[in-house]
Amino acid sequence: MSSLTPATSRSALTRGAAAAVTGALALGLAAVPGAASAAAGAPGGTVRTAPVPKAEIAVKSGVTKITVSAETVAQLRAKGILLTRLDARGNLGAKVDAEQTIDFGVKSGAVSNVKGKVGGRLAFKTTGMAMVNLRNQRIARLTAFQADLTTGIMRANLDRRPPIELGTFSRPAVNTAVNTKAREVNVQGGLVLGAKAAVQLNKALHTKAFVPGAPLFDANSRITLDEKADPRAIRELGREAAPSKAVQAPQHAAR
């Protein structure tokens, strides 16, 4: 019978303990569905951690109030252009006078945090507004409004055709626009008419009334977020990253 020295005993015990731990880990991974395959597929055999929730929250409801300034109404009226409301069927409604408000109900969307500013998207219910050229009775109908909060672009269908980029608006900072306790987001500002949209509106109405870069209307959106959203995503959405500061190593006096 061979004898074991203290060194060989310690080596054998070490190998045995390692084998036991490896076996226990294998059994533990096998007991968790998907864990073994995750460990095998990950680089270096490491176990993948649970994904961090995205800071994008679904919109529960909301409304955007659109107001046309007295200056814009006067400038368009001087060119024979009248603004009116549209119902869900696209029929002309009451005219829009200065400082009157049109309510656009929010149908769907999501809000996110994009580099400290509000991002996401909003789609509005079937309503809209129209421009009527009183001089030749031509009508341009704007429906299916959509707000791209990430790029600051408002889109709408012109006469039931594919969407056009109607204009641009300023995106607010997350830390001022988002109320995490009330789960609300407020986005407000003016819409500036885009160059292509001005050309398309002028062509549809046979006019030269629309000028690129001119203010079209003011929009004030109040959005309610889904109450089922992950609280971690809510916190991420309501937090603006602080600027990084360089840390300087302490200088030790020479001895």
Protein backbone atom coordinates (compact mmCIF):
# COMPACT_ATOMS: atom_id res chain seq x y z
CA MET A 1 0.00 0.00 0.00
CA SER A 2 1.38 3.36 -0.99
CA SER A 3 1.70 6.06 1.63
CA LEU A 4 0.68 9.74 1.23
CA THR A 5 2.95 12.53 2.24
CA PRO A 6 1.46 15.74 3.76
CA ALA A 7 2.12 17.59 0.45
CA THR A 8 0.36 14.98 -1.68
CA SER A 9 -2.55 14.86 0.82
CA ARG A 10 -3.09 18.60 0.50
CA SER A 11 -2.93 18.33 -3.33
CA ALA A 12 -5.49 15.54 -3.40
CA LEU A 13 -7.83 17.39 -1.07
CA THR A 14 -7.57 20.52 -3.23
CA ARG A 15 -8.43 18.58 -6.39
CA GLY A 16 -11.36 16.93 -4.67
CA ALA A 17 -12.77 20.22 -3.39
CA ALA A 18 -12.48 21.79 -6.85
CA ALA A 19 -14.33 18.87 -8.42
CA ALA A 20 -17.10 19.14 -5.82
CA VAL A 21 -17.56 22.87 -6.42
CA THR A 22 -17.60 22.37 -10.20
CA GLY A 23 -20.24 19.66 -9.87
CA ALA A 24 -22.40 21.81 -7.60
CA LEU A 25 -22.23 24.70 -10.05
CA ALA A 26 -23.21 22.43 -12.92
CA LEU A 27 -26.21 21.11 -10.97
CA GLY A 28 -27.22 24.63 -9.99
CA LEU A 29 -27.10 25.91 -13.58
CA ALA A 30 -29.05 22.91 -14.81
CA ALA A 31 -31.81 23.67 -12.29
CA VAL A 32 -32.30 27.19 -13.66
CA PRO A 33 -34.01 27.23 -17.10
CA GLY A 34 -31.77 28.82 -19.71
CA ALA A 35 -28.93 29.47 -17.29
CA ALA A 36 -26.67 26.74 -18.60
CA SER A 37 -27.12 27.80 -22.21
CA ALA A 38 -26.52 31.43 -21.28
CA ALA A 39 -23.30 30.53 -19.55
CA ALA A 40 -22.16 28.49 -22.52
CA GLY A 41 -23.03 31.15 -25.07
CA ALA A 42 -21.50 34.09 -23.24
CA PRO A 43 -17.92 35.09 -24.02
CA GLY A 44 -15.47 33.38 -21.74
CA GLY A 45 -18.22 31.20 -20.25
CA THR A 46 -19.55 33.97 -17.96
CA VAL A 47 -23.21 34.08 -16.97
CA ARG A 48 -25.24 36.88 -18.58
CA THR A 49 -26.94 39.24 -16.17
CA ALA A 50 -30.56 40.40 -16.52
CA PRO A 51 -30.93 43.28 -19.01
CA VAL A 52 -31.29 46.76 -17.59
CA PRO A 53 -34.80 48.14 -18.31
CA LYS A 54 -34.90 50.72 -21.08
CA ALA A 55 -35.76 54.25 -20.08
CA GLU A 56 -38.76 54.30 -22.42
CA ILE A 57 -42.21 54.51 -20.91
CA ALA A 58 -45.52 54.00 -22.69
CA VAL A 59 -47.98 56.87 -22.81
CA LYS A 60 -51.33 56.26 -21.15
CA SER A 61 -53.13 59.39 -22.32
CA GLY A 62 -52.59 63.06 -23.03
CA VAL A 63 -53.61 66.11 -24.96
CA THR A 64 -51.78 68.67 -27.08
CA LYS A 65 -53.28 72.14 -27.21
CA ILE A 66 -52.41 74.01 -30.41
CA THR A 67 -52.72 77.79 -30.46
CA VAL A 68 -52.16 80.09 -33.44
CA SER A 69 -50.78 83.51 -32.61
CA ALA A 70 -52.52 86.72 -33.65
CA GLU A 71 -49.54 87.64 -35.83
CA THR A 72 -49.67 84.35 -37.77
CA VAL A 73 -53.44 84.59 -38.26
CA ALA A 74 -53.12 88.16 -39.54
CA GLN A 75 -50.30 87.30 -41.95
CA LEU A 76 -52.22 84.36 -43.44
CA ARG A 77 -55.47 86.31 -43.65
CA ALA A 78 -53.64 89.03 -45.59
CA LYS A 79 -52.82 86.35 -48.19
CA GLY A 80 -56.40 85.05 -48.22
CA ILE A 81 -55.67 81.94 -46.10
CA LEU A 82 -58.18 80.89 -43.45
CA LEU A 83 -57.44 78.28 -40.76
CA THR A 84 -60.24 75.91 -39.75
CA ARG A 85 -60.75 72.86 -37.60
CA LEU A 86 -61.34 69.38 -39.03
CA ASP A 87 -63.57 66.68 -37.60
CA ALA A 88 -62.73 62.95 -37.59
CA ARG A 89 -64.18 62.56 -41.10
CA GLY A 90 -62.14 65.40 -42.54
CA ASN A 91 -65.02 67.83 -42.76
CA LEU A 92 -64.33 71.53 -42.28
CA GLY A 93 -65.30 72.91 -38.91
CA ALA A 94 -65.20 76.31 -37.25
CA LYS A 95 -62.52 78.78 -38.25
CA VAL A 96 -59.52 79.23 -35.99
CA ASP A 97 -59.15 82.77 -34.75
CA ALA A 98 -56.16 84.30 -32.99
CA GLU A 99 -55.27 82.72 -29.66
CA GLN A 100 -57.97 80.04 -29.99
CA THR A 101 -57.00 76.50 -29.04
CA ILE A 102 -57.42 73.21 -30.90
CA ASP A 103 -57.16 70.09 -28.73
CA PHE A 104 -55.37 67.08 -30.21
CA GLY A 105 -55.92 63.98 -28.09
CA VAL A 106 -52.95 61.63 -27.77
CA LYS A 107 -53.73 58.17 -29.16
CA SER A 108 -50.48 56.36 -28.38
CA GLY A 109 -46.78 56.83 -27.90
CA ALA A 110 -43.79 56.51 -25.60
CA VAL A 111 -41.43 58.87 -23.83
CA SER A 112 -37.71 58.34 -23.29
CA ASN A 113 -34.57 60.07 -22.10
CA VAL A 114 -32.23 60.93 -24.98
CA LYS A 115 -29.03 62.52 -23.69
CA GLY A 116 -30.85 64.47 -21.01
CA LYS A 117 -33.67 65.68 -23.27
CA VAL A 118 -37.17 64.32 -23.78
CA GLY A 119 -37.36 61.79 -26.59
CA GLY A 120 -39.92 59.34 -27.91
CA ARG A 121 -42.97 59.68 -30.11
CA LEU A 122 -46.63 60.67 -29.98
CA ALA A 123 -49.48 59.80 -32.32
CA PHE A 124 -52.67 61.85 -32.16
CA LYS A 125 -56.29 60.87 -32.62
CA THR A 126 -58.22 61.38 -35.85
CA THR A 127 -58.55 65.11 -35.92
CA GLY A 128 -56.71 67.94 -37.57
CA MET A 129 -56.81 71.35 -39.14
CA ALA A 130 -57.15 72.80 -42.62
CA MET A 131 -55.93 75.80 -44.60
CA VAL A 132 -58.50 77.31 -46.97
CA ASN A 133 -57.53 79.67 -49.76
CA LEU A 134 -60.51 82.04 -49.92
CA ARG A 135 -59.31 83.43 -53.27
CA ASN A 136 -59.55 80.17 -55.22
CA GLN A 137 -61.45 77.87 -52.76
CA ARG A 138 -58.60 75.38 -52.56
CA ILE A 139 -58.25 73.40 -49.33
CA ALA A 140 -55.23 71.71 -47.73
CA ARG A 141 -56.17 69.23 -45.01
CA LEU A 142 -53.64 68.23 -42.32
CA THR A 143 -54.50 65.04 -40.43
CA ALA A 144 -52.86 62.16 -38.53
CA PHE A 145 -50.44 64.40 -36.66
CA GLN A 146 -47.35 62.71 -35.19
CA ALA A 147 -44.69 64.24 -32.96
CA ASP A 148 -41.17 62.80 -33.04
CA LEU A 149 -39.90 63.88 -29.64
CA THR A 150 -36.40 62.56 -30.31
CA THR A 151 -35.76 64.70 -33.39
CA GLY A 152 -38.18 67.54 -32.63
CA ILE A 153 -40.14 67.04 -35.86
CA MET A 154 -43.92 67.31 -36.26
CA ARG A 155 -45.38 65.28 -39.12
CA ALA A 156 -48.86 65.23 -40.63
CA ASN A 157 -50.66 63.80 -43.65
CA LEU A 158 -51.37 66.41 -46.29
CA ASP A 159 -54.66 65.64 -48.07
CA ARG A 160 -54.50 62.00 -46.92
CA ARG A 161 -51.16 61.43 -48.61
CA PRO A 162 -47.93 60.16 -46.97
CA PRO A 163 -46.77 62.27 -44.00
CA ILE A 164 -44.79 65.44 -44.54
CA GLU A 165 -42.39 67.06 -42.09
CA LEU A 166 -44.59 69.98 -41.15
CA GLY A 167 -42.05 71.71 -38.94
CA THR A 168 -39.69 71.53 -35.99
CA PHE A 169 -39.92 72.32 -32.29
CA SER A 170 -37.49 72.59 -29.39
CA ARG A 171 -37.09 69.57 -27.10
CA PRO A 172 -37.11 70.30 -23.36
CA ALA A 173 -34.69 68.94 -20.78
CA VAL A 174 -35.89 65.84 -18.96
CA ASN A 175 -35.28 67.23 -15.48
CA THR A 176 -37.66 70.14 -16.13
CA ALA A 177 -40.30 68.42 -18.29
CA VAL A 178 -40.85 65.16 -16.38
CA ASN A 179 -42.77 64.95 -13.10
CA THR A 180 -41.96 61.43 -11.87
CA LYS A 181 -44.36 61.57 -8.89
CA ALA A 182 -47.35 62.58 -11.02
CA ARG A 183 -46.06 60.48 -13.95
CA GLU A 184 -46.55 63.41 -16.28
CA VAL A 185 -44.49 65.00 -19.06
CA ASN A 186 -44.99 68.56 -20.27
CA VAL A 187 -43.65 69.61 -23.67
CA GLN A 188 -44.37 73.08 -24.94
CA GLY A 189 -42.98 75.40 -27.58
CA GLY A 190 -43.51 76.84 -31.01
CA LEU A 191 -43.59 74.93 -34.29
CA VAL A 192 -41.44 76.46 -37.05
CA LEU A 193 -42.57 75.69 -40.61
CA GLY A 194 -40.20 73.45 -42.58
CA ALA A 195 -38.87 74.36 -46.02
CA LYS A 196 -40.41 71.36 -47.84
CA ALA A 197 -43.71 71.78 -46.02
CA ALA A 198 -43.90 75.43 -47.08
CA VAL A 199 -43.43 74.40 -50.73
CA GLN A 200 -46.05 71.65 -50.46
CA LEU A 201 -48.64 73.88 -48.78
CA ASN A 202 -48.08 76.66 -51.30
CA LYS A 203 -48.47 74.15 -54.14
CA ALA A 204 -51.64 72.62 -52.67
CA LEU A 205 -53.28 76.03 -52.20
CA HIS A 206 -51.79 77.81 -55.24
CA THR A 207 -50.40 80.56 -53.04
CA LYS A 208 -47.13 82.02 -51.76
CA ALA A 209 -48.41 82.62 -48.25
CA PHE A 210 -46.21 80.07 -46.49
CA VAL A 211 -42.59 80.98 -45.78
CA PRO A 212 -39.94 78.49 -44.52
CA GLY A 213 -38.88 79.20 -40.95
CA ALA A 214 -42.01 81.16 -40.09
CA PRO A 215 -43.84 80.29 -36.85
CA LEU A 216 -46.93 78.20 -37.54
CA PHE A 217 -48.46 77.56 -34.12
CA ASP A 218 -47.65 76.99 -30.44
CA ALA A 219 -48.12 73.53 -28.93
CA ASN A 220 -48.52 72.61 -25.28
CA SER A 221 -48.55 68.85 -24.58
CA ARG A 222 -49.46 67.30 -21.26
CA ILE A 223 -48.77 63.57 -21.28
CA THR A 224 -49.66 60.96 -18.67
CA LEU A 225 -47.32 57.96 -18.42
CA ASP A 226 -48.37 54.34 -17.97
CA GLU A 227 -48.71 53.51 -14.28
CA LYS A 228 -47.41 49.98 -14.94
CA ALA A 229 -44.00 51.23 -16.02
CA ASP A 230 -40.91 49.91 -14.26
CA PRO A 231 -40.03 52.30 -11.41
CA ARG A 232 -36.35 52.05 -12.38
CA ALA A 233 -37.22 53.33 -15.84
CA ILE A 234 -39.21 56.17 -14.25
CA ARG A 235 -36.19 57.17 -12.18
CA GLU A 236 -33.90 56.99 -15.18
CA LEU A 237 -36.28 59.11 -17.21
CA GLY A 238 -36.47 61.75 -14.53
CA ARG A 239 -32.74 61.99 -13.94
CA GLU A 240 -30.39 64.04 -16.06
CA ALA A 241 -26.81 62.83 -16.01
CA ALA A 242 -24.50 65.16 -14.12
CA PRO A 243 -21.38 66.33 -15.97
CA SER A 244 -18.38 64.16 -15.28
CA LYS A 245 -15.58 65.61 -13.20
CA ALA A 246 -11.95 64.63 -13.51
CA VAL A 247 -10.53 63.14 -10.32
CA GLN A 248 -6.98 64.10 -9.59
CA ALA A 249 -4.80 61.71 -7.61
CA PRO A 250 -3.53 63.17 -4.34
CA GLN A 251 0.04 64.38 -4.45
CA HIS A 252 2.27 62.99 -1.72
CA ALA A 253 5.19 65.00 -0.47
CA ALA A 254 8.57 63.54 -1.23
CA ARG A 255 10.25 61.95 1.71
